[in-house]
Amino acid sequence: MVRIISGTLVEVGLGKIKPEEISKIILDGKRENAGKTLPPCGLYLVSVEY
């Protein structure tokens, strides 16, 4: 799921998806509306803050 969200945010940064569409993509729950799945290498947890 993190890889899909990250891929979607990359597409927002590239201008392929508008930031306003993110909530709709999540609420619809349709995988085909989200961005590409990023590869697992390089994704890691840096910190957790409360």
PDB file of N, CA and C in Angstrom:
ATOM      1  N   MET A   1       0.822  -1.193   0.000  1.00  0.00           N
ATOM      2  CA  MET A   1       0.000   0.000   0.000  1.00  0.00           C
ATOM      3  C   MET A   1       0.866   1.258   0.000  1.00  0.00           C
ATOM      4  N   VAL A   2       1.956   1.240   0.766  1.00  0.00           N
ATOM      5  CA  VAL A   2       2.853   2.397   0.810  1.00  0.00           C
ATOM      6  C   VAL A   2       3.453   2.652  -0.561  1.00  0.00           C
ATOM      7  N   ARG A   3       3.764   1.588  -1.285  1.00  0.00           N
ATOM      8  CA  ARG A   3       4.350   1.739  -2.610  1.00  0.00           C
ATOM      9  C   ARG A   3       3.351   2.353  -3.588  1.00  0.00           C
ATOM     10  N   ILE A   4       2.083   2.021  -3.453  1.00  0.00           N
ATOM     11  CA  ILE A   4       1.047   2.591  -4.329  1.00  0.00           C
ATOM     12  C   ILE A   4       0.842   4.059  -4.000  1.00  0.00           C
ATOM     13  N   ILE A   5       0.768   4.381  -2.713  1.00  0.00           N
ATOM     14  CA  ILE A   5       0.583   5.780  -2.298  1.00  0.00           C
ATOM     15  C   ILE A   5       1.769   6.621  -2.755  1.00  0.00           C
ATOM     16  N   SER A   6       2.977   6.096  -2.581  1.00  0.00           N
ATOM     17  CA  SER A   6       4.172   6.826  -3.003  1.00  0.00           C
ATOM     18  C   SER A   6       4.180   7.044  -4.512  1.00  0.00           C
ATOM     19  N   GLY A   7       3.818   6.031  -5.253  1.00  0.00           N
ATOM     20  CA  GLY A   7       3.746   6.161  -6.716  1.00  0.00           C
ATOM     21  C   GLY A   7       2.719   7.186  -7.147  1.00  0.00           C
ATOM     22  N   THR A   8       1.613   7.246  -6.434  1.00  0.00           N
ATOM     23  CA  THR A   8       0.575   8.237  -6.734  1.00  0.00           C
ATOM     24  C   THR A   8       1.085   9.641  -6.430  1.00  0.00           C
ATOM     25  N   LEU A   9       1.796   9.808  -5.325  1.00  0.00           N
ATOM     26  CA  LEU A   9       2.355  11.113  -4.979  1.00  0.00           C
ATOM     27  C   LEU A   9       3.420  11.556  -5.974  1.00  0.00           C
ATOM     28  N   VAL A  10       4.179  10.607  -6.519  1.00  0.00           N
ATOM     29  CA  VAL A  10       5.150  10.951  -7.561  1.00  0.00           C
ATOM     30  C   VAL A  10       4.423  11.491  -8.784  1.00  0.00           C
ATOM     31  N   GLU A  11       3.311  10.863  -9.149  1.00  0.00           N
ATOM     32  CA  GLU A  11       2.548  11.335 -10.307  1.00  0.00           C
ATOM     33  C   GLU A  11       1.930  12.694 -10.058  1.00  0.00           C
ATOM     34  N   VAL A  12       1.581  12.995  -8.802  1.00  0.00           N
ATOM     35  CA  VAL A  12       1.118  14.342  -8.459  1.00  0.00           C
ATOM     36  C   VAL A  12       2.255  15.332  -8.695  1.00  0.00           C
ATOM     37  N   GLY A  13       3.447  14.976  -8.248  1.00  0.00           N
ATOM     38  CA  GLY A  13       4.609  15.840  -8.432  1.00  0.00           C
ATOM     39  C   GLY A  13       4.953  16.069  -9.893  1.00  0.00           C
ATOM     40  N   LEU A  14       4.694  15.085 -10.729  1.00  0.00           N
ATOM     41  CA  LEU A  14       4.965  15.212 -12.154  1.00  0.00           C
ATOM     42  C   LEU A  14       3.830  15.916 -12.905  1.00  0.00           C
ATOM     43  N   GLY A  15       2.744  16.211 -12.197  1.00  0.00           N
ATOM     44  CA  GLY A  15       1.619  16.899 -12.813  1.00  0.00           C
ATOM     45  C   GLY A  15       0.648  16.002 -13.561  1.00  0.00           C
ATOM     46  N   LYS A  16       0.786  14.688 -13.406  1.00  0.00           N
ATOM     47  CA  LYS A  16      -0.112  13.750 -14.084  1.00  0.00           C
ATOM     48  C   LYS A  16      -1.438  13.592 -13.345  1.00  0.00           C
ATOM     49  N   ILE A  17      -1.419  13.808 -12.036  1.00  0.00           N
ATOM     50  CA  ILE A  17      -2.611  13.738 -11.202  1.00  0.00           C
ATOM     51  C   ILE A  17      -2.677  15.026 -10.400  1.00  0.00           C
ATOM     52  N   LYS A  18      -3.870  15.586 -10.283  1.00  0.00           N
ATOM     53  CA  LYS A  18      -4.034  16.806  -9.490  1.00  0.00           C
ATOM     54  C   LYS A  18      -4.101  16.449  -8.008  1.00  0.00           C
ATOM     55  N   PRO A  19      -3.516  17.281  -7.138  1.00  0.00           N
ATOM     56  CA  PRO A  19      -3.547  16.994  -5.701  1.00  0.00           C
ATOM     57  C   PRO A  19      -4.961  16.810  -5.156  1.00  0.00           C
ATOM     58  N   GLU A  20      -5.919  17.508  -5.723  1.00  0.00           N
ATOM     59  CA  GLU A  20      -7.306  17.413  -5.261  1.00  0.00           C
ATOM     60  C   GLU A  20      -7.906  16.036  -5.517  1.00  0.00           C
ATOM     61  N   GLU A  21      -7.327  15.284  -6.424  1.00  0.00           N
ATOM     62  CA  GLU A  21      -7.865  13.971  -6.794  1.00  0.00           C
ATOM     63  C   GLU A  21      -7.467  12.869  -5.802  1.00  0.00           C
ATOM     64  N   ILE A  22      -6.491  13.130  -4.946  1.00  0.00           N
ATOM     65  CA  ILE A  22      -5.991  12.099  -4.028  1.00  0.00           C
ATOM     66  C   ILE A  22      -7.095  11.554  -3.129  1.00  0.00           C
ATOM     67  N   SER A  23      -7.877  12.439  -2.518  1.00  0.00           N
ATOM     68  CA  SER A  23      -8.935  11.959  -1.618  1.00  0.00           C
ATOM     69  C   SER A  23      -9.972  11.139  -2.378  1.00  0.00           C
ATOM     70  N   LYS A  24     -10.292  11.527  -3.597  1.00  0.00           N
ATOM     71  CA  LYS A  24     -11.255  10.771  -4.404  1.00  0.00           C
ATOM     72  C   LYS A  24     -10.700   9.383  -4.741  1.00  0.00           C
ATOM     73  N   ILE A  25      -9.421   9.321  -5.076  1.00  0.00           N
ATOM     74  CA  ILE A  25      -8.780   8.039  -5.394  1.00  0.00           C
ATOM     75  C   ILE A  25      -8.859   7.102  -4.189  1.00  0.00           C
ATOM     76  N   ILE A  26      -8.572   7.630  -3.002  1.00  0.00           N
ATOM     77  CA  ILE A  26      -8.610   6.812  -1.795  1.00  0.00           C
ATOM     78  C   ILE A  26     -10.033   6.369  -1.474  1.00  0.00           C
ATOM     79  N   LEU A  27     -10.990   7.283  -1.569  1.00  0.00           N
ATOM     80  CA  LEU A  27     -12.377   6.954  -1.242  1.00  0.00           C
ATOM     81  C   LEU A  27     -12.997   5.982  -2.233  1.00  0.00           C
ATOM     82  N   ASP A  28     -12.640   6.091  -3.513  1.00  0.00           N
ATOM     83  CA  ASP A  28     -13.172   5.174  -4.519  1.00  0.00           C
ATOM     84  C   ASP A  28     -12.678   3.750  -4.307  1.00  0.00           C
ATOM     85  N   GLY A  29     -11.436   3.623  -3.842  1.00  0.00           N
ATOM     86  CA  GLY A  29     -10.878   2.301  -3.590  1.00  0.00           C
ATOM     87  C   GLY A  29     -10.579   1.500  -4.842  1.00  0.00           C
ATOM     88  N   LYS A  30     -10.488   2.171  -5.989  1.00  0.00           N
ATOM     89  CA  LYS A  30     -10.197   1.474  -7.244  1.00  0.00           C
ATOM     90  C   LYS A  30      -8.716   1.618  -7.566  1.00  0.00           C
ATOM     91  N   ARG A  31      -8.021   0.512  -7.604  1.00  0.00           N
ATOM     92  CA  ARG A  31      -6.583   0.507  -7.817  1.00  0.00           C
ATOM     93  C   ARG A  31      -6.194   1.175  -9.139  1.00  0.00           C
ATOM     94  N   GLU A  32      -7.003   1.022 -10.158  1.00  0.00           N
ATOM     95  CA  GLU A  32      -6.654   1.554 -11.483  1.00  0.00           C
ATOM     96  C   GLU A  32      -6.627   3.082 -11.525  1.00  0.00           C
ATOM     97  N   ASN A  33      -7.213   3.742 -10.539  1.00  0.00           N
ATOM     98  CA  ASN A  33      -7.200   5.206 -10.495  1.00  0.00           C
ATOM     99  C   ASN A  33      -5.932   5.758  -9.852  1.00  0.00           C
ATOM    100  N   ALA A  34      -5.217   4.920  -9.134  1.00  0.00           N
ATOM    101  CA  ALA A  34      -4.000   5.358  -8.438  1.00  0.00           C
ATOM    102  C   ALA A  34      -2.813   5.320  -9.387  1.00  0.00           C
ATOM    103  N   GLY A  35      -1.679   5.808  -8.899  1.00  0.00           N
ATOM    104  CA  GLY A  35      -0.458   5.823  -9.697  1.00  0.00           C
ATOM    105  C   GLY A  35       0.205   4.457  -9.749  1.00  0.00           C
ATOM    106  N   LYS A  36       1.383   4.439 -10.358  1.00  0.00           N
ATOM    107  CA  LYS A  36       2.148   3.202 -10.479  1.00  0.00           C
ATOM    108  C   LYS A  36       2.659   2.752  -9.114  1.00  0.00           C
ATOM    109  N   THR A  37       2.856   1.451  -8.983  1.00  0.00           N
ATOM    110  CA  THR A  37       3.452   0.902  -7.773  1.00  0.00           C
ATOM    111  C   THR A  37       4.963   1.063  -7.878  1.00  0.00           C
ATOM    112  N   LEU A  38       5.563   1.715  -6.882  1.00  0.00           N
ATOM    113  CA  LEU A  38       7.012   1.898  -6.894  1.00  0.00           C
ATOM    114  C   LEU A  38       7.711   0.611  -6.482  1.00  0.00           C
ATOM    115  N   PRO A  39       8.948   0.416  -6.943  1.00  0.00           N
ATOM    116  CA  PRO A  39       9.699  -0.772  -6.525  1.00  0.00           C
ATOM    117  C   PRO A  39      10.048  -0.685  -5.035  1.00  0.00           C
ATOM    118  N   PRO A  40      10.223  -1.826  -4.376  1.00  0.00           N
ATOM    119  CA  PRO A  40      10.458  -1.823  -2.937  1.00  0.00           C
ATOM    120  C   PRO A  40      11.818  -1.291  -2.520  1.00  0.00           C
ATOM    121  N   CYS A  41      12.798  -1.304  -3.405  1.00  0.00           N
ATOM    122  CA  CYS A  41      14.127  -0.843  -3.007  1.00  0.00           C
ATOM    123  C   CYS A  41      14.125   0.673  -2.781  1.00  0.00           C
ATOM    124  N   GLY A  42      14.696   1.079  -1.693  1.00  0.00           N
ATOM    125  CA  GLY A  42      14.802   2.505  -1.408  1.00  0.00           C
ATOM    126  C   GLY A  42      13.701   3.064  -0.528  1.00  0.00           C
ATOM    127  N   LEU A  43      12.646   2.320  -0.293  1.00  0.00           N
ATOM    128  CA  LEU A  43      11.582   2.785   0.595  1.00  0.00           C
ATOM    129  C   LEU A  43      11.840   2.240   1.993  1.00  0.00           C
ATOM    130  N   TYR A  44      11.983   3.134   2.959  1.00  0.00           N
ATOM    131  CA  TYR A  44      12.214   2.696   4.334  1.00  0.00           C
ATOM    132  C   TYR A  44      11.668   3.729   5.303  1.00  0.00           C
ATOM    133  N   LEU A  45      11.392   3.279   6.514  1.00  0.00           N
ATOM    134  CA  LEU A  45      10.845   4.134   7.559  1.00  0.00           C
ATOM    135  C   LEU A  45      11.971   4.948   8.191  1.00  0.00           C
ATOM    136  N   VAL A  46      11.825   6.264   8.183  1.00  0.00           N
ATOM    137  CA  VAL A  46      12.850   7.139   8.740  1.00  0.00           C
ATOM    138  C   VAL A  46      12.577   7.414  10.207  1.00  0.00           C
ATOM    139  N   SER A  47      11.332   7.755  10.530  1.00  0.00           N
ATOM    140  CA  SER A  47      10.999   8.033  11.924  1.00  0.00           C
ATOM    141  C   SER A  47       9.496   7.948  12.138  1.00  0.00           C
ATOM    142  N   VAL A  48       9.130   7.825  13.400  1.00  0.00           N
ATOM    143  CA  VAL A  48       7.725   7.821  13.785  1.00  0.00           C
ATOM    144  C   VAL A  48       7.564   8.936  14.823  1.00  0.00           C
ATOM    145  N   GLU A  49       6.626   9.840  14.580  1.00  0.00           N
ATOM    146  CA  GLU A  49       6.399  10.946  15.499  1.00  0.00           C
ATOM    147  C   GLU A  49       4.943  10.949  15.954  1.00  0.00           C
ATOM    148  N   TYR A  50       4.739  11.255  17.199  1.00  0.00           N
ATOM    149  CA  TYR A  50       3.384  11.313  17.749  1.00  0.00           C
ATOM    150  C   TYR A  50       3.062  12.725  18.136  1.00  0.00           C
TER     151      TYR A  50
END
